[in-house]
Every structure is written in C-alpha cells, then in structure tokens.
Amino acid sequence: MGKKKETTAAKVETKIDHKINVETKVGILRTIAKQIYSNPVIKIREAVANSMDNEAGRFIMYAHRPTRSVCLFDNGTGISKEKIIEIFKNIGYGIQKPNKFSNSYFGLGLMSILELGKSAIILSKVSGDDNILKLDIQTEKIYSEEMEDKPISSINDYFEITKISLSDREIHSFIDTNQILNIFNDVFPQSYTEIILQNIDESIFENI
C-alpha cells in the first residue's frame, strides 16, 4: 500500500480595515502630570530642565507679589509656532505610549508648570524673527471639573497663539527691558522664552 498523502489547509487571514480611536481624557493628563510633577518645586525644576534642553545659558525667575505672578525667563533657542503645535499635538500620544525621544514628556511637564497659575502667557522669540510668539493659556478652564471627561484635544479651545512686535513685549511681561539688559551685559538675548504664571494661589506662591 502506498503512503497516505498528507494535506495541509492553507491559513487564510482577512484584514479588517478599521481603526480604533483612543482619545485620552483631560482628567488622565492631570492625574499623570501630578504623579510625575507632584509639587511646585519639581515643576520649577522641570522648567529649568526644559530651558537647558533649549540650549539656555541662563534661567531667571522673577516673582511679583502684588499680583502673585511668577515669570520664568531663559535665553534658550525659543519656541517656534510649529514647535508649540508639535508639543501639544504629542501630549496624548505620550501618555498612551511614552517615548523618551519625543516631545511628549516636555508637553506634560509644560502643562504641569502652567497649572501653577490660573492663567499663563508664554512669550517666545527665535533668532532671526522680528516678532514674538505669544501664547495665552486659560489653565483654570483646562483643569476645571467640567473638563475632566473631555478629550484632550478640547484643550485647544483654551489656547490662543498670536504674534506681537518686539516693542510690545513689556505690555505683557512685568520684567522690564532694563532688568534683562543688566543681567545680560547690556545685550538683549536674540532668542528667549518667558513663561508668565498669573494669579497663583497664595500657598503655592509662598512655596515657590
């Protein structure tokens, strides 16, 4: 008798063309940011680390007691509009799939820093640009209870990006030009970033 011929059934897979959308909630953003950046000192330290990543040679912190505001100034490379968009675009991705080579943790750290104030302004100039990027952030709105279950993309409603002239900088910052010149030997930095944290809770302000 001849050998029985064995047959093997071919494995057939059918790909289903479907994407699963995972939308991170704002509440998760806040929870994780608080775990990583648990107190004001750590948040300020993160601001220093960010400035070093942007090649800053100096980091200066000013406190304005009458308005309970704090300004964090560094002479790094500045942040372009494209960079700002990239940072906030990657925040949710960083929570779902952390990547040390991306801007995800920078985004979380920045959001945590901004949370110190009820509102915040970022003024940033890159070398060669004759204007300043101005970013207004309504942090109290972003971290309100009504935002907890909303998708992280909804925080875009509380950001506004504009450009202002160099001469208008002092309208928005409580650090005047002469103070900066005194620190930088009478030469104003060609690139810099200012984070102005406004209306900080008194207990947090004293801690800072």
C-alpha atoms as a PDB file:
ATOM      1  CA  MET A   1       0.000   0.000   0.000  1.00  0.00           C
ATOM      2  CA  GLY A   2       1.240   3.473  -0.814  1.00  0.00           C
ATOM      3  CA  LYS A   3       1.705   6.184   1.830  1.00  0.00           C
ATOM      4  CA  LYS A   4      -1.281   8.267   2.626  1.00  0.00           C
ATOM      5  CA  LYS A   5      -0.740  11.739   1.267  1.00  0.00           C
ATOM      6  CA  GLU A   6      -0.997  14.427   3.967  1.00  0.00           C
ATOM      7  CA  THR A   7      -2.641  17.719   3.109  1.00  0.00           C
ATOM      8  CA  THR A   8      -2.243  20.983   4.964  1.00  0.00           C
ATOM      9  CA  ALA A   9      -5.000  23.546   4.915  1.00  0.00           C
ATOM     10  CA  ALA A  10      -3.803  26.992   3.907  1.00  0.00           C
ATOM     11  CA  LYS A  11      -4.132  29.636   6.614  1.00  0.00           C
ATOM     12  CA  VAL A  12      -6.263  32.466   5.348  1.00  0.00           C
ATOM     13  CA  GLU A  13      -6.438  35.814   7.160  1.00  0.00           C
ATOM     14  CA  THR A  14      -8.713  38.634   6.160  1.00  0.00           C
ATOM     15  CA  LYS A  15      -7.635  42.082   7.236  1.00  0.00           C
ATOM     16  CA  ILE A  16     -10.399  44.230   8.596  1.00  0.00           C
ATOM     17  CA  ASP A  17      -9.891  47.820   7.633  1.00  0.00           C
ATOM     18  CA  HIS A  18     -10.813  49.510  10.873  1.00  0.00           C
ATOM     19  CA  LYS A  19      -9.041  51.949  13.164  1.00  0.00           C
ATOM     20  CA  ILE A  20      -9.585  52.032  16.899  1.00  0.00           C
ATOM     21  CA  ASN A  21      -9.605  55.608  18.088  1.00  0.00           C
ATOM     22  CA  VAL A  22      -8.240  56.075  21.586  1.00  0.00           C
ATOM     23  CA  GLU A  23      -8.890  59.581  22.855  1.00  0.00           C
ATOM     24  CA  THR A  24      -7.104  60.473  26.075  1.00  0.00           C
ATOM     25  CA  LYS A  25      -9.206  62.403  28.567  1.00  0.00           C
ATOM     26  CA  VAL A  26      -8.080  65.657  30.170  1.00  0.00           C
ATOM     27  CA  GLY A  27      -8.502  64.073  33.616  1.00  0.00           C
ATOM     28  CA  ILE A  28      -5.845  61.473  32.787  1.00  0.00           C
ATOM     29  CA  LEU A  29      -3.495  64.237  31.702  1.00  0.00           C
ATOM     30  CA  ARG A  30      -3.886  65.933  35.076  1.00  0.00           C
ATOM     31  CA  THR A  31      -3.540  62.713  37.084  1.00  0.00           C
ATOM     32  CA  ILE A  32      -0.327  61.626  35.358  1.00  0.00           C
ATOM     33  CA  ALA A  33       1.153  65.122  35.441  1.00  0.00           C
ATOM     34  CA  LYS A  34       0.550  65.270  39.198  1.00  0.00           C
ATOM     35  CA  GLN A  35       2.224  61.900  39.710  1.00  0.00           C
ATOM     36  CA  ILE A  36       5.346  62.959  37.807  1.00  0.00           C
ATOM     37  CA  TYR A  37       5.422  66.627  38.871  1.00  0.00           C
ATOM     38  CA  SER A  38       3.933  66.400  42.353  1.00  0.00           C
ATOM     39  CA  ASN A  39       4.794  69.807  43.841  1.00  0.00           C
ATOM     40  CA  PRO A  40       5.722  73.379  42.792  1.00  0.00           C
ATOM     41  CA  VAL A  41       9.452  72.853  43.332  1.00  0.00           C
ATOM     42  CA  ILE A  42       9.517  69.879  40.953  1.00  0.00           C
ATOM     43  CA  LYS A  43       7.542  71.889  38.400  1.00  0.00           C
ATOM     44  CA  ILE A  44      10.042  74.763  38.523  1.00  0.00           C
ATOM     45  CA  ARG A  45      12.851  72.237  38.218  1.00  0.00           C
ATOM     46  CA  GLU A  46      11.138  70.920  35.082  1.00  0.00           C
ATOM     47  CA  ALA A  47      11.090  74.472  33.690  1.00  0.00           C
ATOM     48  CA  VAL A  48      14.853  74.681  34.273  1.00  0.00           C
ATOM     49  CA  ALA A  49      15.359  71.314  32.542  1.00  0.00           C
ATOM     50  CA  ASN A  50      13.277  72.467  29.567  1.00  0.00           C
ATOM     51  CA  SER A  51      15.360  75.631  29.251  1.00  0.00           C
ATOM     52  CA  MET A  52      18.553  73.553  29.241  1.00  0.00           C
ATOM     53  CA  ASP A  53      17.068  71.359  26.504  1.00  0.00           C
ATOM     54  CA  ASN A  54      16.579  74.591  24.541  1.00  0.00           C
ATOM     55  CA  GLU A  55      20.278  75.451  24.959  1.00  0.00           C
ATOM     56  CA  ALA A  56      19.740  78.198  27.538  1.00  0.00           C
ATOM     57  CA  GLY A  57      22.809  79.598  29.270  1.00  0.00           C
ATOM     58  CA  ARG A  58      20.772  81.323  31.963  1.00  0.00           C
ATOM     59  CA  PHE A  59      17.457  80.748  33.692  1.00  0.00           C
ATOM     60  CA  ILE A  60      15.916  83.582  35.702  1.00  0.00           C
ATOM     61  CA  MET A  61      12.855  83.526  37.944  1.00  0.00           C
ATOM     62  CA  TYR A  62      11.061  86.715  38.957  1.00  0.00           C
ATOM     63  CA  ALA A  63       8.212  86.893  41.467  1.00  0.00           C
ATOM     64  CA  HIS A  64       5.702  89.746  41.521  1.00  0.00           C
ATOM     65  CA  ARG A  65       3.962  89.647  44.916  1.00  0.00           C
ATOM     66  CA  PRO A  66       1.190  92.254  44.277  1.00  0.00           C
ATOM     67  CA  THR A  67      -0.318  90.102  41.510  1.00  0.00           C
ATOM     68  CA  ARG A  68       1.046  86.744  42.753  1.00  0.00           C
ATOM     69  CA  SER A  69       2.683  86.203  39.377  1.00  0.00           C
ATOM     70  CA  VAL A  70       5.948  84.491  38.502  1.00  0.00           C
ATOM     71  CA  CYS A  71       7.998  84.884  35.326  1.00  0.00           C
ATOM     72  CA  LEU A  72      10.408  82.190  34.172  1.00  0.00           C
ATOM     73  CA  PHE A  73      12.866  83.628  31.647  1.00  0.00           C
ATOM     74  CA  ASP A  74      15.591  81.787  29.755  1.00  0.00           C
ATOM     75  CA  ASN A  75      17.876  82.729  26.874  1.00  0.00           C
ATOM     76  CA  GLY A  76      17.484  79.456  25.011  1.00  0.00           C
ATOM     77  CA  THR A  77      16.627  78.975  21.367  1.00  0.00           C
ATOM     78  CA  GLY A  78      12.994  79.939  21.852  1.00  0.00           C
ATOM     79  CA  ILE A  79       9.907  78.064  20.688  1.00  0.00           C
ATOM     80  CA  SER A  80       8.500  78.478  17.199  1.00  0.00           C
ATOM     81  CA  LYS A  81       4.812  78.209  16.360  1.00  0.00           C
ATOM     82  CA  GLU A  82       5.464  74.860  14.667  1.00  0.00           C
ATOM     83  CA  LYS A  83       7.222  73.561  17.791  1.00  0.00           C
ATOM     84  CA  ILE A  84       4.374  74.638  20.064  1.00  0.00           C
ATOM     85  CA  ILE A  85       1.855  72.842  17.848  1.00  0.00           C
ATOM     86  CA  GLU A  86       4.049  69.729  17.782  1.00  0.00           C
ATOM     87  CA  ILE A  87       4.385  69.698  21.577  1.00  0.00           C
ATOM     88  CA  PHE A  88       0.668  69.876  22.274  1.00  0.00           C
ATOM     89  CA  LYS A  89      -0.172  67.518  19.437  1.00  0.00           C
ATOM     90  CA  ASN A  90       2.004  64.860  21.082  1.00  0.00           C
ATOM     91  CA  ILE A  91       0.740  65.176  24.658  1.00  0.00           C
ATOM     92  CA  GLY A  92      -1.933  62.485  24.341  1.00  0.00           C
ATOM     93  CA  TYR A  93       0.406  60.177  22.418  1.00  0.00           C
ATOM     94  CA  GLY A  94       2.993  60.468  25.162  1.00  0.00           C
ATOM     95  CA  ILE A  95       0.503  59.303  27.774  1.00  0.00           C
ATOM     96  CA  GLN A  96      -0.563  56.273  25.738  1.00  0.00           C
ATOM     97  CA  LYS A  97       2.919  55.336  24.512  1.00  0.00           C
ATOM     98  CA  PRO A  98       5.749  57.205  26.268  1.00  0.00           C
ATOM     99  CA  ASN A  99       8.764  57.822  24.060  1.00  0.00           C
ATOM    100  CA  LYS A 100      11.891  59.383  25.506  1.00  0.00           C
ATOM    101  CA  PHE A 101      12.859  60.646  22.052  1.00  0.00           C
ATOM    102  CA  SER A 102       9.650  62.634  21.515  1.00  0.00           C
ATOM    103  CA  ASN A 103       8.320  65.914  22.973  1.00  0.00           C
ATOM    104  CA  SER A 104       5.639  64.059  24.936  1.00  0.00           C
ATOM    105  CA  TYR A 105       7.135  64.435  28.383  1.00  0.00           C
ATOM    106  CA  PHE A 106       8.034  68.038  27.606  1.00  0.00           C
ATOM    107  CA  GLY A 107       4.384  68.602  26.852  1.00  0.00           C
ATOM    108  CA  LEU A 108       3.282  67.029  30.131  1.00  0.00           C
ATOM    109  CA  GLY A 109       5.912  68.997  32.040  1.00  0.00           C
ATOM    110  CA  LEU A 110       4.913  72.255  30.398  1.00  0.00           C
ATOM    111  CA  MET A 111       1.233  71.669  31.170  1.00  0.00           C
ATOM    112  CA  SER A 112       2.164  70.937  34.768  1.00  0.00           C
ATOM    113  CA  ILE A 113       4.182  74.156  35.015  1.00  0.00           C
ATOM    114  CA  LEU A 114       1.332  76.189  33.544  1.00  0.00           C
ATOM    115  CA  GLU A 115      -1.059  74.723  36.118  1.00  0.00           C
ATOM    116  CA  LEU A 116       0.726  76.724  38.838  1.00  0.00           C
ATOM    117  CA  GLY A 117      -1.249  79.789  37.733  1.00  0.00           C
ATOM    118  CA  LYS A 118      -4.920  80.285  36.965  1.00  0.00           C
ATOM    119  CA  SER A 119      -3.785  81.640  33.598  1.00  0.00           C
ATOM    120  CA  ALA A 120      -0.471  81.888  31.806  1.00  0.00           C
ATOM    121  CA  ILE A 121       1.292  83.631  28.955  1.00  0.00           C
ATOM    122  CA  ILE A 122       4.257  82.314  27.000  1.00  0.00           C
ATOM    123  CA  LEU A 123       6.354  84.854  25.117  1.00  0.00           C
ATOM    124  CA  SER A 124       8.972  83.329  22.876  1.00  0.00           C
ATOM    125  CA  LYS A 125      11.343  84.642  20.229  1.00  0.00           C
ATOM    126  CA  VAL A 126      13.547  82.608  17.932  1.00  0.00           C
ATOM    127  CA  SER A 127      16.710  84.070  16.473  1.00  0.00           C
ATOM    128  CA  GLY A 128      16.165  85.975  13.234  1.00  0.00           C
ATOM    129  CA  ASP A 129      12.460  86.595  13.802  1.00  0.00           C
ATOM    130  CA  ASP A 130      11.353  90.219  14.160  1.00  0.00           C
ATOM    131  CA  ASN A 131       8.261  89.210  16.122  1.00  0.00           C
ATOM    132  CA  ILE A 132       7.468  87.443  19.368  1.00  0.00           C
ATOM    133  CA  LEU A 133       5.200  84.418  19.585  1.00  0.00           C
ATOM    134  CA  LYS A 134       2.550  84.981  22.268  1.00  0.00           C
ATOM    135  CA  LEU A 135       0.584  82.068  23.647  1.00  0.00           C
ATOM    136  CA  ASP A 136      -2.324  82.743  26.029  1.00  0.00           C
ATOM    137  CA  ILE A 137      -3.458  79.778  28.125  1.00  0.00           C
ATOM    138  CA  GLN A 138      -6.560  79.612  30.321  1.00  0.00           C
ATOM    139  CA  THR A 139      -5.217  76.978  32.704  1.00  0.00           C
ATOM    140  CA  GLU A 140      -8.035  77.327  35.234  1.00  0.00           C
ATOM    141  CA  LYS A 141     -10.509  76.403  32.483  1.00  0.00           C
ATOM    142  CA  ILE A 142      -8.387  73.488  31.249  1.00  0.00           C
ATOM    143  CA  TYR A 143      -8.172  71.956  34.717  1.00  0.00           C
ATOM    144  CA  SER A 144     -11.778  72.613  35.761  1.00  0.00           C
ATOM    145  CA  GLU A 145     -14.043  69.725  36.805  1.00  0.00           C
ATOM    146  CA  GLU A 146     -16.196  70.108  33.700  1.00  0.00           C
ATOM    147  CA  MET A 147     -13.154  69.270  31.543  1.00  0.00           C
ATOM    148  CA  GLU A 148     -12.271  66.005  33.326  1.00  0.00           C
ATOM    149  CA  ASP A 149     -14.061  63.682  30.888  1.00  0.00           C
ATOM    150  CA  LYS A 150     -13.484  65.699  27.745  1.00  0.00           C
ATOM    151  CA  PRO A 151     -10.969  64.564  25.089  1.00  0.00           C
ATOM    152  CA  ILE A 152      -7.531  66.093  25.394  1.00  0.00           C
ATOM    153  CA  SER A 153      -7.972  67.760  22.003  1.00  0.00           C
ATOM    154  CA  SER A 154     -10.577  70.044  23.602  1.00  0.00           C
ATOM    155  CA  ILE A 155      -7.873  71.995  25.450  1.00  0.00           C
ATOM    156  CA  ASN A 156      -7.216  73.742  22.134  1.00  0.00           C
ATOM    157  CA  ASP A 157     -10.266  75.881  22.914  1.00  0.00           C
ATOM    158  CA  TYR A 158      -8.308  77.488  25.742  1.00  0.00           C
ATOM    159  CA  PHE A 159      -5.141  78.354  23.823  1.00  0.00           C
ATOM    160  CA  GLU A 160      -4.611  81.366  21.613  1.00  0.00           C
ATOM    161  CA  ILE A 161      -1.463  81.903  19.554  1.00  0.00           C
ATOM    162  CA  THR A 162      -0.660  85.358  18.196  1.00  0.00           C
ATOM    163  CA  LYS A 163       2.394  87.345  17.156  1.00  0.00           C
ATOM    164  CA  ILE A 164       3.367  90.654  18.716  1.00  0.00           C
ATOM    165  CA  SER A 165       6.081  93.169  17.899  1.00  0.00           C
ATOM    166  CA  LEU A 166       9.297  93.346  19.922  1.00  0.00           C
ATOM    167  CA  SER A 167       8.280  96.749  21.279  1.00  0.00           C
ATOM    168  CA  ASP A 168       5.089  95.277  22.772  1.00  0.00           C
ATOM    169  CA  ARG A 169       6.877  92.742  24.949  1.00  0.00           C
ATOM    170  CA  GLU A 170       6.741  94.848  28.129  1.00  0.00           C
ATOM    171  CA  ILE A 171       2.964  95.206  27.830  1.00  0.00           C
ATOM    172  CA  HIS A 172       2.644  91.521  28.684  1.00  0.00           C
ATOM    173  CA  SER A 173       5.685  90.912  30.934  1.00  0.00           C
ATOM    174  CA  PHE A 174       6.367  92.550  34.291  1.00  0.00           C
ATOM    175  CA  ILE A 175      10.133  92.248  33.715  1.00  0.00           C
ATOM    176  CA  ASP A 176      11.224  95.436  32.004  1.00  0.00           C
ATOM    177  CA  THR A 177      13.914  95.631  29.344  1.00  0.00           C
ATOM    178  CA  ASN A 178      16.456  97.311  31.635  1.00  0.00           C
ATOM    179  CA  GLN A 179      16.330  94.398  34.085  1.00  0.00           C
ATOM    180  CA  ILE A 180      17.107  91.983  31.272  1.00  0.00           C
ATOM    181  CA  LEU A 181      19.912  94.181  29.950  1.00  0.00           C
ATOM    182  CA  ASN A 182      21.522  94.368  33.396  1.00  0.00           C
ATOM    183  CA  ILE A 183      21.672  90.590  33.587  1.00  0.00           C
ATOM    184  CA  PHE A 184      22.906  90.044  30.038  1.00  0.00           C
ATOM    185  CA  ASN A 185      25.581  92.764  29.973  1.00  0.00           C
ATOM    186  CA  ASP A 186      23.501  95.335  28.072  1.00  0.00           C
ATOM    187  CA  VAL A 187      22.748  92.933  25.209  1.00  0.00           C
ATOM    188  CA  PHE A 188      19.175  91.685  24.960  1.00  0.00           C
ATOM    189  CA  PRO A 189      19.077  87.953  24.014  1.00  0.00           C
ATOM    190  CA  GLN A 190      18.326  87.285  20.344  1.00  0.00           C
ATOM    191  CA  SER A 191      16.213  84.301  21.353  1.00  0.00           C
ATOM    192  CA  TYR A 192      14.394  83.583  24.604  1.00  0.00           C
ATOM    193  CA  THR A 193      11.293  82.187  26.263  1.00  0.00           C
ATOM    194  CA  GLU A 194       9.244  83.734  29.058  1.00  0.00           C
ATOM    195  CA  ILE A 195       6.593  81.781  30.913  1.00  0.00           C
ATOM    196  CA  ILE A 196       4.407  84.130  32.935  1.00  0.00           C
ATOM    197  CA  LEU A 197       2.263  82.361  35.523  1.00  0.00           C
ATOM    198  CA  GLN A 198      -0.579  84.600  36.678  1.00  0.00           C
ATOM    199  CA  ASN A 199      -2.829  84.713  39.744  1.00  0.00           C
ATOM    200  CA  ILE A 200      -1.103  81.896  41.626  1.00  0.00           C
ATOM    201  CA  ASP A 201      -2.776  80.618  44.791  1.00  0.00           C
ATOM    202  CA  GLU A 202      -1.163  82.242  47.824  1.00  0.00           C
ATOM    203  CA  SER A 203       0.042  78.975  49.400  1.00  0.00           C
ATOM    204  CA  ILE A 204       1.665  77.886  46.129  1.00  0.00           C
ATOM    205  CA  PHE A 205       3.188  81.342  45.607  1.00  0.00           C
ATOM    206  CA  GLU A 206       4.823  81.224  49.051  1.00  0.00           C
ATOM    207  CA  ASN A 207       6.124  77.729  48.317  1.00  0.00           C
ATOM    208  CA  ILE A 208       7.728  78.897  45.090  1.00  0.00           C
END
